[in-house]
Protein backbone atom coordinates (compact mmCIF):
# COMPACT_ATOMS: atom_id res chain seq x y z
CA MET A 1 -9.59 19.70 12.67
CA ARG A 2 -8.17 22.40 14.97
CA LYS A 3 -6.12 19.81 16.88
CA ALA A 4 -4.85 18.41 13.60
CA LEU A 5 -3.70 21.83 12.42
CA VAL A 6 -1.97 22.47 15.75
CA GLY A 7 -0.18 19.17 15.28
CA LEU A 8 0.90 20.22 11.81
CA VAL A 9 2.35 23.46 13.11
CA LEU A 10 4.21 21.67 15.89
CA ALA A 11 5.52 19.10 13.45
CA ALA A 12 6.85 21.87 11.21
CA THR A 13 9.51 22.80 13.75
CA ALA A 14 11.40 19.55 13.04
CA LEU A 15 11.01 19.46 9.25
CA THR A 16 13.42 20.75 6.63
CA SER A 17 11.90 22.12 3.44
CA HIS A 18 13.24 21.61 -0.09
CA ALA A 19 11.64 22.04 -3.49
CA SER A 20 10.81 18.34 -3.71
CA GLY A 21 9.42 17.76 -0.21
CA TYR A 22 9.88 18.00 3.55
CA PHE A 23 12.42 15.95 5.49
CA THR A 24 12.98 15.08 9.13
CA GLU A 25 15.20 12.91 11.32
CA ASP A 26 12.72 13.12 14.20
CA ALA A 27 10.10 10.36 14.29
CA VAL A 28 7.79 12.07 16.79
CA PRO A 29 6.54 14.98 14.64
CA PHE A 30 6.49 12.78 11.56
CA ASP A 31 4.26 10.18 13.22
CA MET A 32 2.10 13.00 14.61
CA LEU A 33 1.63 14.40 11.14
CA ILE A 34 0.72 11.19 9.31
CA GLY A 35 -1.40 9.94 12.23
CA SER A 36 -4.05 7.33 11.50
CA ASN A 37 -3.47 7.60 7.77
CA ALA A 38 -0.24 5.62 8.09
CA GLN A 39 0.21 2.06 6.95
CA HIS A 40 2.94 -0.05 8.53
CA GLN A 41 5.29 -2.73 7.30
CA ASP A 42 7.60 -4.46 9.81
CA PHE A 43 8.74 -7.17 7.36
CA SER A 44 7.59 -9.93 9.71
CA GLY A 45 4.97 -11.41 7.36
CA PRO A 46 5.34 -13.85 4.47
CA PHE A 47 7.25 -12.61 1.45
CA VAL A 48 8.13 -13.70 -2.06
CA ARG A 49 11.74 -13.57 -3.23
CA ASP A 50 12.69 -13.04 -6.85
CA GLY A 51 16.44 -12.75 -7.33
CA TYR A 52 17.55 -9.80 -5.21
CA SER A 53 13.99 -8.55 -4.58
CA TRP A 54 11.81 -9.40 -1.57
CA SER A 55 8.09 -8.53 -1.79
CA TRP A 56 5.51 -8.24 0.98
CA GLY A 57 2.74 -7.24 -1.44
CA ASP A 58 2.43 -3.60 -0.49
CA VAL A 59 6.17 -2.93 -0.68
CA THR A 60 9.11 -4.58 -2.44
CA PHE A 61 12.71 -4.22 -1.30
CA THR A 62 15.37 -4.65 -3.99
CA CYS A 63 19.10 -4.82 -3.42
CA ASN A 64 20.76 -3.34 -6.50
CA ALA A 65 23.78 -5.61 -6.66
CA VAL A 66 27.26 -4.26 -7.30
CA GLN A 67 29.42 -6.05 -4.75
CA TRP A 68 27.58 -7.54 -1.77
CA CYS A 69 24.09 -8.80 -2.69
CA ASN A 70 25.56 -11.11 -5.29
CA ASN A 71 28.78 -11.92 -3.46
CA GLU A 72 29.35 -15.67 -3.81
CA SER A 73 31.59 -15.98 -0.76
CA PHE A 74 29.63 -13.65 1.58
CA GLU A 75 26.21 -12.58 0.36
CA PHE A 76 25.14 -9.46 2.25
CA GLY A 77 21.87 -7.69 1.53
CA GLY A 78 18.15 -8.43 1.38
CA TYR A 79 16.04 -9.74 4.27
CA ASN A 80 16.93 -11.24 7.62
CA ASP A 81 15.05 -11.91 10.86
CA ARG A 82 18.13 -12.62 12.96
CA PHE A 83 20.85 -10.11 13.66
CA ASN A 84 22.91 -10.22 16.82
CA PHE A 85 22.68 -6.49 17.57
CA VAL A 86 18.89 -6.26 17.98
CA GLU A 87 15.77 -8.41 17.63
CA GLY A 88 13.40 -7.84 14.76
CA ASN A 89 12.95 -8.20 11.01
CA PHE A 90 15.10 -6.16 8.67
CA VAL A 91 15.83 -5.41 5.06
CA TYR A 92 19.40 -4.31 4.54
CA TYR A 93 22.25 -3.60 2.15
CA ALA A 94 25.79 -2.18 2.08
CA PRO A 95 27.38 0.28 -0.38
CA PRO A 96 28.53 0.28 -3.12
CA ASP A 97 25.23 -1.55 -3.60
CA SER A 98 22.07 0.51 -3.27
CA ALA A 99 18.54 -0.41 -2.21
CA THR A 100 15.13 0.46 -3.65
CA PHE A 101 11.74 0.44 -1.93
CA THR A 102 8.95 0.08 -4.50
CA PHE A 103 5.32 0.55 -3.44
CA ALA A 104 2.24 -1.14 -4.88
CA GLN A 105 0.45 2.22 -4.72
CA PRO A 106 1.90 5.74 -4.98
CA ILE A 107 2.74 7.27 -1.62
CA ILE A 108 2.95 10.82 -0.22
CA ALA A 109 4.81 10.06 3.02
CA PHE A 110 7.64 7.66 3.93
CA GLY A 111 9.34 7.00 7.25
CA VAL A 112 11.69 4.24 8.41
CA ASP A 113 13.94 3.32 11.34
CA VAL A 114 17.56 2.88 10.30
CA TYR A 115 20.26 0.91 12.10
CA GLY A 116 23.97 0.88 11.35
CA VAL A 117 24.39 4.55 10.43
CA GLY A 118 27.13 6.65 11.92
CA GLY A 119 30.64 5.84 10.77
CA GLY A 120 33.15 3.65 12.51
CA LEU A 121 35.05 0.71 11.10
CA TYR A 122 34.18 1.32 7.46
CA SER A 123 34.60 5.09 7.41
CA PRO A 124 37.84 6.33 5.82
CA GLY A 125 40.75 5.33 8.02
CA GLY A 126 38.46 3.42 10.38
CA SER A 127 37.77 6.61 12.35
CA LEU A 128 34.41 7.74 13.71
CA GLN A 129 32.85 9.97 11.08
CA PRO A 130 29.32 10.68 9.91
CA THR A 131 27.94 8.21 7.37
CA PRO A 132 25.41 10.11 5.25
CA MET A 133 22.49 8.22 3.72
CA ILE A 134 21.29 9.52 0.35
CA VAL A 135 17.65 9.07 -0.63
CA THR A 136 16.55 9.68 -4.23
CA PHE A 137 13.07 9.58 -5.75
CA ASP A 138 11.15 10.75 -8.82
CA ASP A 139 11.85 14.47 -8.67
CA GLY A 140 14.41 14.99 -5.94
CA SER A 141 16.90 13.70 -3.40
CA HIS A 142 17.97 14.35 0.17
CA VAL A 143 20.97 13.51 2.36
CA PHE A 144 20.16 12.23 5.84
CA PHE A 145 22.49 11.90 8.86
CA GLU A 146 25.18 14.27 7.63
CA ASP A 147 26.28 14.99 11.22
CA TYR A 148 25.35 11.77 13.02
CA VAL A 149 28.19 9.73 14.54
CA HIS A 150 27.60 6.73 16.76
CA ASN A 151 30.02 5.05 19.15
CA TYR A 152 30.00 1.63 17.45
CA ASN A 153 26.56 1.02 18.99
CA ILE A 154 24.44 0.05 16.00
CA SER A 155 21.64 -1.22 18.25
CA VAL A 156 20.22 2.31 18.51
CA PRO A 157 18.17 3.37 15.45
CA VAL A 158 17.96 6.73 13.75
CA PHE A 159 14.98 7.89 11.70
CA ALA A 160 14.43 9.16 8.16
CA GLY A 161 11.10 10.71 7.21
CA ILE A 162 9.87 12.36 4.00
CA LEU A 163 6.65 14.18 3.07
CA PHE A 164 6.58 14.39 -0.71
CA ASP A 165 5.21 17.32 -2.68
CA ARG A 166 3.71 14.82 -5.14
CA PRO A 167 3.07 11.05 -5.12
CA VAL A 168 6.03 8.72 -5.73
CA THR A 169 6.20 4.98 -6.32
CA SER A 170 9.80 4.17 -5.46
CA ILE A 171 12.66 5.39 -3.27
CA THR A 172 16.33 4.45 -3.67
CA VAL A 173 18.81 4.57 -0.80
CA SER A 174 22.57 4.73 -1.15
CA GLY A 175 25.46 5.35 1.23
CA GLU A 176 28.46 7.62 1.43
CA TRP A 177 31.03 5.01 2.50
CA GLU A 178 31.46 1.57 1.00
CA ASN A 179 30.85 -1.55 3.12
CA ASN A 180 28.92 0.29 5.86
CA GLY A 181 25.79 -1.84 6.23
CA MET A 182 22.40 -0.15 6.74
CA PHE A 183 19.40 -1.99 8.19
CA PHE A 184 15.77 -0.86 7.87
CA THR A 185 12.66 -1.73 9.86
CA ASN A 186 9.37 -0.27 11.11
CA LEU A 187 8.48 1.25 7.75
CA ARG A 188 5.43 3.55 7.74
CA TYR A 189 3.91 5.32 4.76
CA VAL A 190 0.77 7.05 3.49
CA THR A 191 -0.71 6.11 0.15
CA ALA A 192 -2.06 8.68 -2.29
CA PRO A 193 -4.89 9.27 -2.32
CA VAL A 194 -5.86 8.16 1.17
CA PRO A 195 -9.35 6.66 1.52
CA GLU A 196 -11.05 9.87 2.66
CA PRO A 197 -10.53 13.02 0.55
CA SER A 198 -10.75 15.20 3.66
CA THR A 199 -7.70 13.58 5.25
CA TYR A 200 -5.80 13.76 1.98
CA ALA A 201 -6.59 17.46 1.77
CA MET A 202 -5.49 17.93 5.37
CA LEU A 203 -2.10 16.36 4.73
CA PHE A 204 -1.45 18.60 1.76
CA GLY A 205 -2.83 21.52 3.74
CA GLY A 206 -0.15 20.70 6.25
CA LEU A 207 2.46 20.91 3.51
CA VAL A 208 1.22 24.40 2.69
CA ILE A 209 1.63 25.41 6.33
CA LEU A 210 5.10 23.87 6.47
CA GLY A 211 6.09 25.65 3.28
CA ALA A 212 4.95 29.00 4.66
CA ILE A 213 6.93 28.45 7.86
CA ALA A 214 10.02 27.43 5.89
CA ARG A 215 9.77 30.55 3.71
CA ARG A 216 9.48 32.77 6.79
CA ARG A 217 12.55 31.13 8.30
CA SER A 218 14.46 31.62 5.06
CA LYS A 219 13.57 35.32 4.96
CA ALA A 220 14.50 35.74 8.62
CA VAL A 221 17.90 34.15 8.05
CA GLY A 222 18.44 36.28 4.91
């Protein structure tokens, strides 16, 4: 238990606190915090497709079609196991469409590797600019990657992680700039409640610690 609490304190240094949860763009402290409670989905297993939804049982990815998922001449969005920039299995979409992850059980933590973020060709004027990714859920939202700019190298992933202040069942992702594709893989999450009450209590105990640290920081800055 002592080691776990130390890990929680260390993880707090890379987490941003808001009323609706805790957010990070650093996978290391996030993975440290969720530990063995995490479940993983790499989208490599069998799935069932229904329209613009792809289901792996524990999680369903839906492309909310506006322009690309239902584009008759160039359908873009959904699932693919072959992209030329990196090997692996992905779910993906491009604004103005949005994408929703729906979970079979409520979750209290969500983390995913994201490819394709960072401006470039589809930013205004074709210049290199940040390409924020907006995540919304039951009682809140957060903007990831506000300052991240890549050099047209979409083979390097970034990370988005959330610890929720209450269980959620779905998460919707949207983008700042139209036509800038985003690709997701290596999804990890923690269901609520986890099998052992003690580990569930520890995770929420960690949120208390993180909240206290965030409040201290806020007071120090004020």
